[in-house]
């Protein structure tokens, strides 16, 4: 019903409220449907849930590497894709940040404008260099996230 009402309203030149797109299970803010979709607010990435996922993924990556090689990697690489970035709200960025030993600082609006250094004792391992390759769409969508990593 909400979608039909929004369609009729749009055809009459009315305002359609914005809404993030994506997976309704991962991001309940996508509901209700029938709103004007935008992909993601890059400034709010990684989201807190994406940070948690990214940390776990980075830890699992390191565990697997140690099992196979007997030591931590000195360098890792990531490819950032816009579709994955939108769907996960920045989980891969979170992995890269955690490898570097930094964590996002969220403001009152959920935006990430700065990073904090994770102490060596809290991190429990050396910091790992990160090499990043991006798709052109990711670069255009999330240039501020690349600046944050730099």
N, C-alpha and C. Protein backbone atom coordinates (compact mmCIF):
# COMPACT_ATOMS: atom_id res chain seq x y z
N UNK A 1 0.83 -1.19 0.00
CA UNK A 1 0.00 0.00 0.00
C UNK A 1 0.87 1.26 0.00
N UNK A 2 1.96 1.24 0.80
CA UNK A 2 2.84 2.40 0.85
C UNK A 2 3.48 2.70 -0.49
N UNK A 3 3.84 1.66 -1.22
CA UNK A 3 4.46 1.85 -2.53
C UNK A 3 3.46 2.46 -3.52
N UNK A 4 2.25 1.97 -3.50
CA UNK A 4 1.23 2.49 -4.42
C UNK A 4 0.92 3.95 -4.10
N UNK A 5 0.77 4.27 -2.82
CA UNK A 5 0.52 5.66 -2.43
C UNK A 5 1.67 6.57 -2.85
N UNK A 6 2.90 6.10 -2.67
CA UNK A 6 4.06 6.90 -3.06
C UNK A 6 4.11 7.10 -4.56
N UNK A 7 3.76 6.07 -5.32
CA UNK A 7 3.75 6.18 -6.77
C UNK A 7 2.73 7.22 -7.23
N UNK A 8 1.54 7.16 -6.70
CA UNK A 8 0.49 8.12 -7.06
C UNK A 8 0.92 9.53 -6.65
N UNK A 9 1.50 9.65 -5.47
CA UNK A 9 1.98 10.94 -4.99
C UNK A 9 3.07 11.49 -5.93
N UNK A 10 4.00 10.63 -6.34
CA UNK A 10 5.08 11.06 -7.24
C UNK A 10 4.52 11.50 -8.59
N UNK A 11 3.56 10.75 -9.12
CA UNK A 11 2.96 11.10 -10.40
C UNK A 11 2.20 12.43 -10.34
N UNK A 12 1.78 12.80 -9.14
CA UNK A 12 1.12 14.09 -8.93
C UNK A 12 2.11 15.19 -8.57
N UNK A 13 3.41 14.88 -8.66
CA UNK A 13 4.43 15.88 -8.38
C UNK A 13 4.70 16.06 -6.90
N UNK A 14 4.28 15.13 -6.08
CA UNK A 14 4.47 15.24 -4.63
C UNK A 14 5.85 14.81 -4.17
N UNK A 15 6.12 15.13 -2.92
CA UNK A 15 7.39 14.80 -2.28
C UNK A 15 7.37 13.34 -1.83
N UNK A 16 8.47 12.63 -2.08
CA UNK A 16 8.64 11.26 -1.61
C UNK A 16 9.80 11.28 -0.61
N UNK A 17 9.54 10.86 0.60
CA UNK A 17 10.57 10.86 1.65
C UNK A 17 11.71 9.91 1.27
N UNK A 18 12.95 10.28 1.60
CA UNK A 18 14.09 9.43 1.27
C UNK A 18 14.21 8.23 2.21
N UNK A 19 14.89 7.21 1.73
CA UNK A 19 15.11 6.00 2.50
C UNK A 19 16.35 5.30 1.98
N UNK A 20 17.17 4.75 2.88
CA UNK A 20 18.30 3.97 2.38
C UNK A 20 17.82 2.68 1.72
N UNK A 21 18.56 2.24 0.73
CA UNK A 21 18.27 0.95 0.12
C UNK A 21 19.06 -0.13 0.83
N UNK A 22 19.01 -1.31 0.29
CA UNK A 22 19.80 -2.41 0.86
C UNK A 22 18.94 -3.49 1.46
N UNK A 23 19.59 -4.32 2.23
CA UNK A 23 18.98 -5.49 2.84
C UNK A 23 18.19 -5.10 4.08
N UNK A 24 16.91 -5.40 4.09
CA UNK A 24 16.04 -5.03 5.22
C UNK A 24 16.42 -5.77 6.50
N UNK A 25 17.02 -6.94 6.39
CA UNK A 25 17.45 -7.67 7.58
C UNK A 25 18.68 -7.00 8.18
N UNK A 26 19.65 -6.65 7.33
CA UNK A 26 20.87 -6.01 7.81
C UNK A 26 20.64 -4.56 8.21
N UNK A 27 19.70 -3.89 7.57
CA UNK A 27 19.42 -2.49 7.86
C UNK A 27 17.91 -2.26 7.90
N UNK A 28 17.30 -2.41 9.08
CA UNK A 28 15.85 -2.23 9.19
C UNK A 28 15.36 -0.83 8.80
N UNK A 29 16.28 0.14 8.69
CA UNK A 29 15.88 1.49 8.28
C UNK A 29 15.40 1.54 6.84
N UNK A 30 15.59 0.45 6.09
CA UNK A 30 15.10 0.41 4.71
C UNK A 30 13.58 0.27 4.66
N UNK A 31 12.98 -0.08 5.77
CA UNK A 31 11.52 -0.25 5.84
C UNK A 31 10.86 0.97 6.45
N UNK A 32 9.68 1.34 6.12
CA UNK A 32 8.82 0.70 5.13
C UNK A 32 9.27 1.04 3.72
N UNK A 33 8.83 0.25 2.76
CA UNK A 33 9.14 0.51 1.36
C UNK A 33 8.25 1.63 0.83
N UNK A 34 8.46 2.00 -0.42
CA UNK A 34 7.64 3.05 -1.02
C UNK A 34 8.23 4.42 -0.86
N UNK A 35 9.49 4.49 -0.48
CA UNK A 35 10.16 5.78 -0.34
C UNK A 35 11.21 5.94 -1.44
N UNK A 36 11.77 7.12 -1.53
CA UNK A 36 12.76 7.46 -2.54
C UNK A 36 14.13 6.95 -2.10
N UNK A 37 14.62 5.90 -2.76
CA UNK A 37 15.84 5.23 -2.32
C UNK A 37 17.10 6.02 -2.64
N UNK A 38 18.03 5.98 -1.70
CA UNK A 38 19.41 6.38 -1.96
C UNK A 38 20.28 5.21 -1.55
N UNK A 39 21.48 5.11 -2.10
CA UNK A 39 22.28 3.91 -1.89
C UNK A 39 22.83 3.81 -0.47
N UNK A 40 23.61 4.77 -0.05
CA UNK A 40 24.21 4.74 1.27
C UNK A 40 24.76 6.13 1.56
N UNK A 41 24.81 6.49 2.82
CA UNK A 41 25.48 7.71 3.23
C UNK A 41 26.93 7.34 3.52
N UNK A 42 27.81 7.62 2.59
CA UNK A 42 29.21 7.21 2.74
C UNK A 42 29.83 7.75 4.02
N UNK A 43 29.40 8.93 4.45
CA UNK A 43 29.97 9.53 5.66
C UNK A 43 29.65 8.72 6.92
N UNK A 44 28.63 7.89 6.85
CA UNK A 44 28.22 7.08 8.01
C UNK A 44 28.79 5.66 7.93
N UNK A 45 29.86 5.50 7.16
CA UNK A 45 30.48 4.18 7.03
C UNK A 45 31.92 4.22 7.53
N UNK A 46 32.38 3.12 8.10
CA UNK A 46 31.60 1.93 8.36
C UNK A 46 30.60 2.17 9.48
N UNK A 47 29.43 1.58 9.34
CA UNK A 47 28.43 1.66 10.42
C UNK A 47 28.95 0.85 11.61
N UNK A 48 28.31 1.01 12.75
CA UNK A 48 28.77 0.26 13.93
C UNK A 48 28.64 -1.24 13.71
N UNK A 49 27.57 -1.68 13.07
CA UNK A 49 27.43 -3.12 12.81
C UNK A 49 28.46 -3.58 11.78
N UNK A 50 28.76 -2.75 10.78
CA UNK A 50 29.79 -3.09 9.80
C UNK A 50 31.16 -3.16 10.46
N UNK A 51 31.40 -2.28 11.43
CA UNK A 51 32.67 -2.32 12.16
C UNK A 51 32.81 -3.65 12.88
N UNK A 52 31.77 -4.06 13.58
CA UNK A 52 31.82 -5.34 14.29
C UNK A 52 32.08 -6.50 13.33
N UNK A 53 31.40 -6.51 12.20
CA UNK A 53 31.60 -7.57 11.19
C UNK A 53 33.02 -7.51 10.63
N UNK A 54 33.48 -6.31 10.33
CA UNK A 54 34.81 -6.16 9.76
C UNK A 54 35.91 -6.61 10.69
N UNK A 55 35.77 -6.30 11.97
CA UNK A 55 36.75 -6.75 12.96
C UNK A 55 36.79 -8.27 13.01
N UNK A 56 35.61 -8.90 13.07
CA UNK A 56 35.56 -10.37 13.10
C UNK A 56 36.17 -10.97 11.83
N UNK A 57 35.86 -10.40 10.68
CA UNK A 57 36.42 -10.91 9.42
C UNK A 57 37.94 -10.75 9.39
N UNK A 58 38.44 -9.62 9.86
CA UNK A 58 39.89 -9.40 9.90
C UNK A 58 40.55 -10.38 10.85
N UNK A 59 39.95 -10.60 12.02
CA UNK A 59 40.52 -11.55 12.97
C UNK A 59 40.56 -12.95 12.39
N UNK A 60 39.49 -13.37 11.73
CA UNK A 60 39.45 -14.70 11.09
C UNK A 60 40.49 -14.80 9.97
N UNK A 61 40.65 -13.73 9.21
CA UNK A 61 41.66 -13.71 8.15
C UNK A 61 43.04 -13.92 8.74
N UNK A 62 43.34 -13.21 9.84
CA UNK A 62 44.65 -13.34 10.48
C UNK A 62 44.84 -14.73 11.07
N UNK A 63 43.81 -15.27 11.70
CA UNK A 63 43.90 -16.63 12.26
C UNK A 63 44.21 -17.64 11.16
N UNK A 64 43.52 -17.54 10.05
CA UNK A 64 43.74 -18.46 8.93
C UNK A 64 45.14 -18.31 8.36
N UNK A 65 45.60 -17.07 8.25
CA UNK A 65 46.94 -16.83 7.72
C UNK A 65 48.00 -17.44 8.64
N UNK A 66 47.83 -17.26 9.93
CA UNK A 66 48.78 -17.82 10.90
C UNK A 66 48.78 -19.35 10.82
N UNK A 67 47.61 -19.95 10.73
CA UNK A 67 47.52 -21.41 10.62
C UNK A 67 48.27 -21.92 9.40
N UNK A 68 48.20 -21.20 8.30
CA UNK A 68 48.82 -21.65 7.05
C UNK A 68 50.29 -21.28 6.94
N UNK A 69 50.69 -20.17 7.59
CA UNK A 69 52.04 -19.65 7.38
C UNK A 69 52.88 -19.54 8.64
N UNK A 70 52.27 -19.74 9.80
CA UNK A 70 53.02 -19.70 11.05
C UNK A 70 53.38 -18.33 11.55
N UNK A 71 52.92 -17.30 10.89
CA UNK A 71 53.21 -15.93 11.32
C UNK A 71 52.14 -14.99 10.77
N UNK A 72 52.13 -13.78 11.28
CA UNK A 72 51.20 -12.76 10.78
C UNK A 72 51.68 -12.23 9.44
N UNK A 73 50.76 -11.80 8.59
CA UNK A 73 51.19 -11.15 7.35
C UNK A 73 51.77 -9.77 7.66
N UNK A 74 52.66 -9.31 6.81
CA UNK A 74 53.16 -7.94 6.95
C UNK A 74 52.29 -6.97 6.18
N UNK A 75 51.60 -7.49 5.17
CA UNK A 75 50.79 -6.64 4.29
C UNK A 75 49.59 -7.46 3.81
N UNK A 76 48.44 -6.80 3.68
CA UNK A 76 47.24 -7.41 3.09
C UNK A 76 46.69 -6.46 2.04
N UNK A 77 45.84 -6.98 1.18
CA UNK A 77 45.24 -6.11 0.17
C UNK A 77 43.74 -6.35 0.11
N UNK A 78 43.03 -5.31 -0.27
CA UNK A 78 41.58 -5.36 -0.41
C UNK A 78 41.19 -4.68 -1.72
N UNK A 79 40.13 -5.17 -2.31
CA UNK A 79 39.49 -4.49 -3.44
C UNK A 79 38.14 -4.00 -2.94
N UNK A 80 37.91 -2.71 -3.04
CA UNK A 80 36.65 -2.12 -2.61
C UNK A 80 35.72 -2.00 -3.82
N UNK A 81 34.54 -2.60 -3.70
CA UNK A 81 33.51 -2.56 -4.73
C UNK A 81 32.33 -1.77 -4.21
N UNK A 82 31.73 -0.96 -5.06
CA UNK A 82 30.60 -0.14 -4.61
C UNK A 82 29.42 -0.99 -4.17
N UNK A 83 29.12 -2.07 -4.87
CA UNK A 83 27.95 -2.89 -4.50
C UNK A 83 28.12 -3.50 -3.12
N UNK A 84 29.30 -4.02 -2.83
CA UNK A 84 29.56 -4.61 -1.51
C UNK A 84 29.53 -3.52 -0.44
N UNK A 85 30.07 -2.37 -0.76
CA UNK A 85 30.09 -1.24 0.17
C UNK A 85 28.68 -0.83 0.56
N UNK A 86 27.80 -0.74 -0.42
CA UNK A 86 26.41 -0.36 -0.16
C UNK A 86 25.71 -1.43 0.67
N UNK A 87 25.89 -2.68 0.28
CA UNK A 87 25.20 -3.78 0.95
C UNK A 87 25.63 -3.96 2.40
N UNK A 88 26.94 -3.81 2.67
CA UNK A 88 27.45 -4.09 4.02
C UNK A 88 27.69 -2.84 4.85
N UNK A 89 27.44 -1.67 4.28
CA UNK A 89 27.69 -0.39 4.95
C UNK A 89 29.15 -0.23 5.38
N UNK A 90 30.05 -0.81 4.58
CA UNK A 90 31.48 -0.58 4.81
C UNK A 90 32.22 -1.64 5.59
N UNK A 91 31.78 -2.89 5.57
CA UNK A 91 32.46 -3.94 6.33
C UNK A 91 33.89 -4.17 5.84
N UNK A 92 34.13 -4.06 4.54
CA UNK A 92 35.49 -4.26 4.03
C UNK A 92 36.39 -3.10 4.44
N UNK A 93 35.85 -1.90 4.47
CA UNK A 93 36.62 -0.76 4.97
C UNK A 93 36.97 -1.00 6.44
N UNK A 94 36.02 -1.52 7.19
CA UNK A 94 36.27 -1.83 8.60
C UNK A 94 37.40 -2.84 8.75
N UNK A 95 37.43 -3.84 7.88
CA UNK A 95 38.52 -4.82 7.93
C UNK A 95 39.86 -4.12 7.72
N UNK A 96 39.93 -3.27 6.72
CA UNK A 96 41.18 -2.56 6.41
C UNK A 96 41.60 -1.68 7.58
N UNK A 97 40.65 -0.97 8.17
CA UNK A 97 40.97 -0.11 9.31
C UNK A 97 41.51 -0.93 10.47
N UNK A 98 40.87 -2.05 10.75
CA UNK A 98 41.31 -2.89 11.87
C UNK A 98 42.71 -3.46 11.61
N UNK A 99 42.99 -3.84 10.37
CA UNK A 99 44.34 -4.32 10.04
C UNK A 99 45.38 -3.23 10.33
N UNK A 100 45.03 -1.98 10.03
CA UNK A 100 45.92 -0.86 10.28
C UNK A 100 46.03 -0.52 11.77
N UNK A 101 45.09 -1.02 12.56
CA UNK A 101 45.11 -0.74 13.99
C UNK A 101 44.46 0.57 14.36
N UNK A 102 43.44 0.96 13.59
CA UNK A 102 42.69 2.17 13.90
C UNK A 102 41.20 1.83 13.93
N UNK A 103 40.44 2.65 14.63
CA UNK A 103 39.00 2.43 14.77
C UNK A 103 38.26 3.73 14.45
N UNK A 104 37.05 3.61 13.91
CA UNK A 104 36.27 4.81 13.59
C UNK A 104 35.78 5.53 14.84
N UNK A 105 35.62 6.82 14.70
CA UNK A 105 34.99 7.64 15.73
C UNK A 105 33.69 8.16 15.12
N UNK A 106 32.56 7.75 15.69
CA UNK A 106 31.25 8.17 15.19
C UNK A 106 30.81 9.43 15.92
N UNK A 107 30.24 10.38 15.19
CA UNK A 107 29.69 11.56 15.84
C UNK A 107 28.24 11.28 16.25
N UNK A 108 27.57 12.29 16.77
CA UNK A 108 26.20 12.12 17.27
C UNK A 108 25.22 11.72 16.17
N UNK A 109 25.59 11.94 14.91
CA UNK A 109 24.72 11.61 13.79
C UNK A 109 25.11 10.29 13.12
N UNK A 110 26.07 9.57 13.70
CA UNK A 110 26.51 8.29 13.15
C UNK A 110 27.51 8.41 12.02
N UNK A 111 28.04 9.62 11.81
CA UNK A 111 29.03 9.82 10.75
C UNK A 111 30.43 9.56 11.29
N UNK A 112 31.29 9.08 10.39
CA UNK A 112 32.68 8.82 10.75
C UNK A 112 33.54 9.88 10.08
N UNK A 113 34.09 10.77 10.89
CA UNK A 113 34.92 11.83 10.36
C UNK A 113 36.36 11.73 10.79
N UNK A 114 36.65 10.81 11.71
CA UNK A 114 38.01 10.68 12.22
C UNK A 114 38.21 9.26 12.72
N UNK A 115 39.47 8.95 12.99
CA UNK A 115 39.84 7.63 13.47
C UNK A 115 40.63 7.77 14.76
N UNK A 116 40.60 6.72 15.57
CA UNK A 116 41.43 6.68 16.76
C UNK A 116 42.41 5.52 16.63
N UNK A 117 43.59 5.72 17.14
CA UNK A 117 44.59 4.68 17.14
C UNK A 117 44.23 3.66 18.22
N UNK A 118 44.16 2.40 17.85
CA UNK A 118 43.93 1.34 18.84
C UNK A 118 45.27 1.08 19.51
N UNK A 119 45.30 1.11 20.83
CA UNK A 119 46.57 0.93 21.54
C UNK A 119 47.16 -0.45 21.22
N UNK A 120 48.47 -0.54 21.28
CA UNK A 120 49.14 -1.82 20.99
C UNK A 120 48.68 -2.91 21.93
N UNK A 121 48.45 -2.55 23.19
CA UNK A 121 48.00 -3.57 24.15
C UNK A 121 46.58 -4.04 23.84
N UNK A 122 45.73 -3.13 23.41
CA UNK A 122 44.36 -3.51 23.04
C UNK A 122 44.35 -4.31 21.74
N UNK A 123 45.19 -3.92 20.80
CA UNK A 123 45.23 -4.60 19.50
C UNK A 123 45.83 -6.00 19.63
N UNK A 124 46.88 -6.12 20.42
CA UNK A 124 47.49 -7.43 20.68
C UNK A 124 48.28 -8.01 19.53
N UNK A 125 48.68 -7.19 18.59
CA UNK A 125 49.45 -7.65 17.43
C UNK A 125 50.06 -6.43 16.75
N UNK A 126 51.03 -6.65 15.88
CA UNK A 126 51.57 -5.51 15.13
C UNK A 126 50.54 -4.96 14.14
N UNK A 127 50.68 -3.72 13.79
CA UNK A 127 49.84 -3.12 12.75
C UNK A 127 50.26 -3.70 11.40
N UNK A 128 49.30 -3.88 10.52
CA UNK A 128 49.55 -4.52 9.24
C UNK A 128 49.29 -3.52 8.12
N UNK A 129 50.24 -3.42 7.21
CA UNK A 129 50.08 -2.53 6.06
C UNK A 129 48.93 -3.01 5.18
N UNK A 130 48.24 -2.07 4.56
CA UNK A 130 47.09 -2.38 3.71
C UNK A 130 47.27 -1.71 2.35
N UNK A 131 47.07 -2.49 1.30
CA UNK A 131 47.04 -1.98 -0.06
C UNK A 131 45.60 -2.07 -0.54
N UNK A 132 45.10 -0.99 -1.12
CA UNK A 132 43.69 -0.95 -1.54
C UNK A 132 43.60 -0.68 -3.04
N UNK A 133 42.75 -1.44 -3.69
CA UNK A 133 42.37 -1.19 -5.08
C UNK A 133 40.87 -0.94 -5.06
N UNK A 134 40.41 0.01 -5.86
CA UNK A 134 38.97 0.31 -5.86
C UNK A 134 38.40 0.26 -7.27
N UNK A 135 37.12 -0.01 -7.32
CA UNK A 135 36.41 0.16 -8.59
C UNK A 135 36.18 1.66 -8.79
N UNK A 136 35.95 2.05 -10.02
CA UNK A 136 35.67 3.46 -10.30
C UNK A 136 34.41 3.94 -9.61
N UNK A 137 33.40 3.08 -9.57
CA UNK A 137 32.15 3.47 -8.91
C UNK A 137 32.37 3.68 -7.42
N UNK A 138 33.18 2.82 -6.80
CA UNK A 138 33.46 3.01 -5.37
C UNK A 138 34.17 4.34 -5.15
N UNK A 139 35.17 4.62 -5.98
CA UNK A 139 35.90 5.88 -5.86
C UNK A 139 34.96 7.07 -5.92
N UNK A 140 34.00 7.02 -6.85
CA UNK A 140 33.06 8.12 -7.00
C UNK A 140 32.07 8.19 -5.85
N UNK A 141 31.67 7.05 -5.33
CA UNK A 141 30.67 6.99 -4.27
C UNK A 141 31.25 7.32 -2.90
N UNK A 142 32.50 6.93 -2.67
CA UNK A 142 33.04 6.98 -1.31
C UNK A 142 34.46 7.56 -1.25
N UNK A 143 34.70 8.62 -1.99
CA UNK A 143 36.02 9.24 -1.98
C UNK A 143 36.44 9.65 -0.57
N UNK A 144 35.48 10.07 0.24
CA UNK A 144 35.80 10.49 1.61
C UNK A 144 36.32 9.32 2.45
N UNK A 145 35.89 8.11 2.13
CA UNK A 145 36.38 6.94 2.87
C UNK A 145 37.81 6.62 2.48
N UNK A 146 38.16 6.87 1.22
CA UNK A 146 39.54 6.67 0.79
C UNK A 146 40.44 7.71 1.46
N UNK A 147 39.96 8.93 1.57
CA UNK A 147 40.72 9.97 2.27
C UNK A 147 40.91 9.60 3.74
N UNK A 148 39.90 9.01 4.33
CA UNK A 148 39.99 8.57 5.73
C UNK A 148 41.07 7.51 5.89
N UNK A 149 41.14 6.58 4.95
CA UNK A 149 42.16 5.53 5.00
C UNK A 149 43.56 6.07 4.77
N UNK A 150 43.65 7.13 4.00
CA UNK A 150 44.94 7.68 3.66
C UNK A 150 45.51 8.41 4.85
